Amino acid sequence: MPVIDVTTDTDNLTLTITAQFAAPVERVWEIYADPRQLEKIWGPPTYPATFVEHDFTPGGRATYYMTSPEGDKFGGWWEFLAVDPTSSFTFRDGFADADLNPDDSMPVGENHYAFSAADGGTRAVYTATFNSADDLQKVLDMGVVEGSSSAINQIDELLAA
């Protein structure tokens, strides 16, 4: 299992997940840069993602939806703030309505994903920062730790393919 640590810091309003992959940084980076590969790992295994838009550049946006086993669709959006190829990217991450427009009633996190060579593979540190303790608690209550961990753990299978 790639996920090796999960830390919630309510003082700093962050959730940090650390993972280790047995692949070079460039290969792990490709997964996030290519929406067709990203679809295979974004979301828990039973909620596959479909990326409708993926402009992986600063100022670019991504929109997607995950489909439940019952066929229900759950939308999301990203706004890329910074992209440093193969080492990190930062983006605002929010929930979306059925038309993939931002849902202002739901929390928005600022995510920073960093990748570095470590132990013969790649160390990935995924940090989400929220605006308030209530927003952090809301996503925790929704199962973000379990969902994100199971999504990240799918990366090994994609890397092995």
Protein backbone atom coordinates (compact mmCIF):
# COMPACT_ATOMS: atom_id res chain seq x y z
CA MET A 1 0.00 0.00 0.00
CA PRO A 2 1.52 3.32 -1.05
CA VAL A 3 -0.07 5.44 1.71
CA ILE A 4 2.38 5.44 4.61
CA ASP A 5 1.04 8.29 6.77
CA VAL A 6 -2.07 10.40 7.27
CA THR A 7 -1.95 13.45 9.54
CA THR A 8 -4.77 15.82 10.40
CA ASP A 9 -3.68 19.12 11.97
CA THR A 10 -6.71 21.01 13.22
CA ASP A 11 -4.58 23.96 14.40
CA ASN A 12 -3.23 24.53 10.89
CA LEU A 13 -6.43 23.31 9.16
CA THR A 14 -4.53 20.71 7.13
CA LEU A 15 -4.83 17.11 6.08
CA THR A 16 -1.57 15.58 4.85
CA ILE A 17 -1.24 12.17 3.20
CA THR A 18 2.20 10.77 2.44
CA ALA A 19 2.73 7.94 -0.03
CA GLN A 20 5.68 6.02 -1.42
CA PHE A 21 5.69 4.60 -4.96
CA ALA A 22 8.14 2.18 -6.59
CA ALA A 23 8.45 4.29 -9.73
CA PRO A 24 10.46 7.33 -10.83
CA VAL A 25 9.08 10.80 -10.13
CA GLU A 26 8.54 11.45 -13.84
CA ARG A 27 6.29 8.40 -14.15
CA VAL A 28 4.17 9.35 -11.13
CA TRP A 29 3.91 12.92 -12.46
CA GLU A 30 2.53 11.61 -15.78
CA ILE A 31 -0.52 10.25 -13.97
CA TYR A 32 -1.55 13.73 -12.84
CA ALA A 33 -0.63 15.40 -16.13
CA ASP A 34 -2.68 12.99 -18.28
CA PRO A 35 -6.43 13.09 -17.60
CA ARG A 36 -6.98 9.59 -19.00
CA GLN A 37 -4.49 8.16 -16.49
CA LEU A 38 -5.81 10.41 -13.72
CA GLU A 39 -9.30 9.00 -14.29
CA LYS A 40 -8.00 5.59 -13.28
CA ILE A 41 -6.91 6.73 -9.81
CA TRP A 42 -8.97 9.80 -8.91
CA GLY A 43 -11.69 8.73 -6.54
CA PRO A 44 -12.21 5.53 -4.61
CA PRO A 45 -12.16 2.29 -6.63
CA THR A 46 -15.96 2.03 -6.83
CA TYR A 47 -16.36 5.70 -7.88
CA PRO A 48 -14.47 6.06 -11.19
CA ALA A 49 -13.74 9.58 -12.37
CA THR A 50 -14.31 11.18 -15.75
CA PHE A 51 -12.35 14.37 -16.46
CA VAL A 52 -14.26 16.68 -18.78
CA GLU A 53 -11.62 19.42 -18.71
CA HIS A 54 -7.96 19.28 -17.63
CA ASP A 55 -5.85 22.36 -18.40
CA PHE A 56 -2.79 21.49 -16.29
CA THR A 57 -1.22 24.96 -16.38
CA PRO A 58 -1.19 27.85 -13.88
CA GLY A 59 -4.60 29.52 -14.16
CA GLY A 60 -6.03 26.43 -15.87
CA ARG A 61 -9.03 24.47 -14.66
CA ALA A 62 -10.11 20.89 -14.41
CA THR A 63 -13.66 19.62 -14.07
CA TYR A 64 -14.67 16.06 -13.41
CA TYR A 65 -17.32 13.84 -11.98
CA MET A 66 -17.17 10.55 -10.13
CA THR A 67 -19.86 7.95 -10.76
CA SER A 68 -21.17 5.84 -7.89
CA PRO A 69 -21.96 2.13 -8.27
CA GLU A 70 -25.64 3.20 -8.46
CA GLY A 71 -24.92 5.62 -11.31
CA ASP A 72 -25.09 8.85 -9.28
CA LYS A 73 -22.62 11.52 -10.39
CA PHE A 74 -20.65 13.73 -8.01
CA GLY A 75 -18.85 16.70 -9.56
CA GLY A 76 -15.68 18.52 -8.68
CA TRP A 77 -13.44 21.26 -9.98
CA TRP A 78 -9.81 22.35 -9.70
CA GLU A 79 -8.18 25.70 -10.35
CA PHE A 80 -4.43 25.31 -10.86
CA LEU A 81 -2.45 27.97 -9.02
CA ALA A 82 1.08 26.68 -9.70
CA VAL A 83 2.57 23.84 -11.73
CA ASP A 84 6.27 22.97 -11.39
CA PRO A 85 6.68 19.98 -13.75
CA THR A 86 7.65 16.75 -12.04
CA SER A 87 8.08 18.33 -8.60
CA SER A 88 4.80 19.91 -7.45
CA PHE A 89 1.50 21.53 -8.23
CA THR A 90 -0.95 23.58 -6.21
CA PHE A 91 -4.65 23.87 -6.90
CA ARG A 92 -7.93 24.94 -5.38
CA ASP A 93 -10.25 21.94 -5.11
CA GLY A 94 -14.00 22.15 -4.70
CA PHE A 95 -17.27 20.36 -5.17
CA ALA A 96 -19.47 20.99 -8.20
CA ASP A 97 -23.14 20.73 -9.08
CA ALA A 98 -24.60 18.52 -11.81
CA ASP A 99 -23.45 21.01 -14.49
CA LEU A 100 -19.91 21.03 -13.01
CA ASN A 101 -20.27 24.57 -11.70
CA PRO A 102 -18.70 25.27 -8.28
CA ASP A 103 -20.99 24.44 -5.35
CA ASP A 104 -20.47 27.40 -3.03
CA SER A 105 -22.21 25.62 -0.14
CA MET A 106 -19.35 23.10 0.12
CA PRO A 107 -15.77 23.48 1.39
CA VAL A 108 -12.92 24.47 -0.91
CA GLY A 109 -9.43 23.27 -0.12
CA GLU A 110 -6.09 24.46 -1.38
CA ASN A 111 -4.04 21.40 -2.25
CA HIS A 112 -0.31 21.14 -2.68
CA TYR A 113 1.04 17.92 -4.17
CA ALA A 114 4.83 17.49 -3.97
CA PHE A 115 6.90 14.68 -5.50
CA SER A 116 10.52 13.80 -4.75
CA ALA A 117 12.90 10.91 -5.33
CA ALA A 118 13.18 8.75 -2.20
CA ASP A 119 14.08 5.17 -1.37
CA GLY A 120 14.53 4.20 -5.02
CA GLY A 121 11.10 5.52 -6.02
CA THR A 122 8.88 8.53 -5.43
CA ARG A 123 7.71 10.09 -2.20
CA ALA A 124 4.45 12.01 -2.67
CA VAL A 125 3.13 14.42 -0.05
CA TYR A 126 -0.47 15.53 -0.55
CA THR A 127 -1.45 18.48 1.66
CA ALA A 128 -4.92 20.02 1.73
CA THR A 129 -5.50 23.27 3.63
CA PHE A 130 -8.99 24.46 4.50
CA ASN A 131 -10.40 27.90 5.38
CA SER A 132 -11.88 26.82 8.70
CA ALA A 133 -12.00 24.00 11.21
CA ASP A 134 -15.63 23.47 10.20
CA ASP A 135 -14.64 22.97 6.54
CA LEU A 136 -11.91 20.51 7.51
CA GLN A 137 -14.28 18.62 9.78
CA LYS A 138 -16.95 18.51 7.07
CA VAL A 139 -14.66 16.74 4.59
CA LEU A 140 -13.34 14.45 7.32
CA ASP A 141 -16.94 13.49 8.16
CA MET A 142 -17.56 12.84 4.46
CA GLY A 143 -14.78 10.22 4.49
CA VAL A 144 -11.99 12.11 2.73
CA VAL A 145 -9.26 10.15 4.51
CA GLU A 146 -10.66 6.78 3.50
CA GLY A 147 -11.60 7.92 0.00
CA SER A 148 -8.30 9.65 -0.72
CA SER A 149 -6.24 6.81 0.73
CA SER A 150 -8.06 4.19 -1.34
CA ALA A 151 -7.68 6.38 -4.45
CA ILE A 152 -3.94 6.90 -3.90
CA ASN A 153 -3.48 3.19 -3.23
CA GLN A 154 -4.73 2.49 -6.78
CA ILE A 155 -1.64 4.16 -8.23
CA ASP A 156 0.55 1.08 -7.70
CA GLU A 157 -1.66 -0.99 -10.00
CA LEU A 158 -1.55 1.67 -12.70
CA LEU A 159 2.24 1.94 -12.39
CA ALA A 160 2.58 -1.84 -12.72
CA ALA A 161 0.43 -1.99 -15.87
